[in-house]
Protein backbone atom coordinates (compact mmCIF):
# COMPACT_ATOMS: atom_id res chain seq x y z
CA UNK A 1 19.47 -17.19 -17.82
CA UNK A 2 17.38 -16.20 -20.10
CA UNK A 3 14.91 -19.62 -19.62
CA UNK A 4 15.15 -18.06 -15.69
CA UNK A 5 13.79 -14.74 -16.46
CA UNK A 6 10.87 -15.82 -17.87
CA UNK A 7 10.13 -18.62 -14.93
CA UNK A 8 10.93 -15.36 -12.34
CA UNK A 9 8.22 -12.99 -14.45
CA UNK A 10 5.67 -15.77 -14.19
CA UNK A 11 6.11 -16.18 -10.71
CA UNK A 12 6.09 -12.97 -9.80
CA UNK A 13 2.82 -11.77 -12.01
CA UNK A 14 0.97 -15.06 -10.26
CA UNK A 15 2.14 -14.12 -6.86
CA UNK A 16 0.90 -10.74 -7.89
CA UNK A 17 -2.80 -11.84 -8.86
CA UNK A 18 -2.60 -14.47 -5.93
CA UNK A 19 -2.42 -11.63 -3.71
CA UNK A 20 -4.71 -9.33 -5.29
CA UNK A 21 -7.45 -11.88 -5.48
CA UNK A 22 -6.66 -12.62 -1.86
CA UNK A 23 -7.56 -8.66 -1.38
CA UNK A 24 -10.46 -8.41 -2.94
CA UNK A 25 -12.40 -11.31 -1.48
CA UNK A 26 -11.25 -10.43 2.02
CA UNK A 27 -12.60 -6.72 1.42
CA UNK A 28 -15.99 -8.13 0.10
CA UNK A 29 -16.73 -10.63 3.21
CA UNK A 30 -15.31 -8.34 5.44
CA UNK A 31 -18.13 -5.86 4.07
CA UNK A 32 -20.86 -8.31 3.42
CA UNK A 33 -19.96 -9.65 7.28
CA UNK A 34 -20.11 -5.86 8.86
CA UNK A 35 -23.51 -5.16 6.25
CA UNK A 36 -25.51 -8.29 7.55
CA UNK A 37 -24.16 -7.56 11.36
CA UNK A 38 -25.90 -4.05 11.21
CA UNK A 39 -28.94 -4.52 9.33
CA UNK A 40 -29.57 -7.60 12.17
CA UNK A 41 -29.02 -4.78 15.02
CA UNK A 42 -26.15 -7.23 16.36
CA UNK A 43 -24.19 -3.26 16.33
CA UNK A 44 -24.57 -0.73 18.79
CA UNK A 45 -23.81 3.00 18.52
CA UNK A 46 -20.21 2.60 20.05
CA UNK A 47 -19.25 0.26 17.75
CA UNK A 48 -20.15 2.23 14.47
CA UNK A 49 -17.87 4.30 15.96
CA UNK A 50 -15.34 1.67 16.29
CA UNK A 51 -15.87 0.71 12.61
CA UNK A 52 -15.44 3.98 11.82
CA UNK A 53 -12.33 4.45 13.53
CA UNK A 54 -11.10 0.89 11.64
CA UNK A 55 -12.02 2.89 8.04
CA UNK A 56 -9.83 5.69 8.74
CA UNK A 57 -6.82 3.69 9.69
CA UNK A 58 -7.40 1.74 6.72
CA UNK A 59 -7.36 4.78 5.02
CA UNK A 60 -3.75 5.61 6.07
CA UNK A 61 -2.48 3.07 5.59
CA UNK A 62 -3.54 2.58 2.08
CA UNK A 63 -2.35 6.45 1.45
CA UNK A 64 1.06 5.81 3.47
CA UNK A 65 1.52 2.77 0.73
CA UNK A 66 0.63 4.57 -2.44
CA UNK A 67 2.71 7.60 -1.00
CA UNK A 68 6.15 4.57 -0.74
CA UNK A 69 5.51 2.70 -4.03
CA UNK A 70 4.34 6.06 -5.88
CA UNK A 71 7.97 7.54 -4.41
CA UNK A 72 9.90 4.35 -5.57
CA UNK A 73 8.20 4.61 -9.31
CA UNK A 74 9.63 7.76 -9.37
CA UNK A 75 13.19 6.23 -8.20
CA UNK A 76 12.52 3.43 -11.14
CA UNK A 77 12.04 5.88 -13.58
CA UNK A 78 14.95 7.92 -12.66
CA UNK A 79 17.58 4.97 -12.59
CA UNK A 80 16.21 4.54 -16.01
CA UNK A 81 16.36 8.03 -17.47
CA UNK A 82 19.96 7.54 -16.29
CA UNK A 83 21.30 4.73 -17.47
CA UNK A 84 22.36 3.04 -14.35
CA UNK A 85 22.57 -1.16 -14.61
CA UNK A 86 19.85 -2.37 -11.76
CA UNK A 87 22.41 -4.52 -9.85
CA UNK A 88 24.67 -0.99 -9.51
CA UNK A 89 24.37 0.86 -5.77
CA UNK A 90 23.23 4.26 -7.06
CA UNK A 91 20.38 2.57 -8.32
CA UNK A 92 19.83 0.92 -4.69
CA UNK A 93 20.41 4.33 -3.12
CA UNK A 94 18.19 6.12 -5.79
CA UNK A 95 15.24 3.71 -5.09
CA UNK A 96 15.87 3.87 -0.74
CA UNK A 97 15.70 7.39 -1.03
CA UNK A 98 13.12 7.56 -2.88
CA UNK A 99 11.12 5.05 -0.94
CA UNK A 100 12.31 7.51 2.31
CA UNK A 101 10.68 10.29 0.60
CA UNK A 102 7.70 8.71 0.43
CA UNK A 103 7.59 7.93 4.49
CA UNK A 104 8.74 11.63 5.04
CA UNK A 105 5.88 13.35 2.99
CA UNK A 106 3.12 10.52 4.95
CA UNK A 107 4.80 11.74 8.02
CA UNK A 108 4.69 15.60 7.38
CA UNK A 109 0.76 14.49 6.51
CA UNK A 110 -0.23 12.40 9.61
CA UNK A 111 2.17 15.11 11.68
CA UNK A 112 -0.49 17.74 10.36
CA UNK A 113 -3.62 15.58 10.55
CA UNK A 114 -2.84 14.75 14.62
CA UNK A 115 -2.26 18.33 14.93
CA UNK A 116 -5.84 19.34 13.10
CA UNK A 117 -7.34 16.71 15.43
CA UNK A 118 -5.95 17.92 18.17
């Protein structure tokens, strides 16, 4: 069983590294393309506003996933401090509840933002 744990750890590490690398490359190339379009004068004022709105949506998406991962991490820390096994139903319940709290915090934040805009 110990060999399986090592293989799983290596696979997860490679997957995380790969997705992170792809995300960084995508962000850099998207930025360069936008910059070149702006410098070439291919984008008018309306398109500039759309690009700004897209950046705002990306901000909120990042905030959502940051909150979910943060609260899930708190749930994992709680599980570790309570000495639950990773396969117990209480451990799953704690992580799911913590992630749900992250969603609720995001929902409350977005509700205030929408009310602020109106």
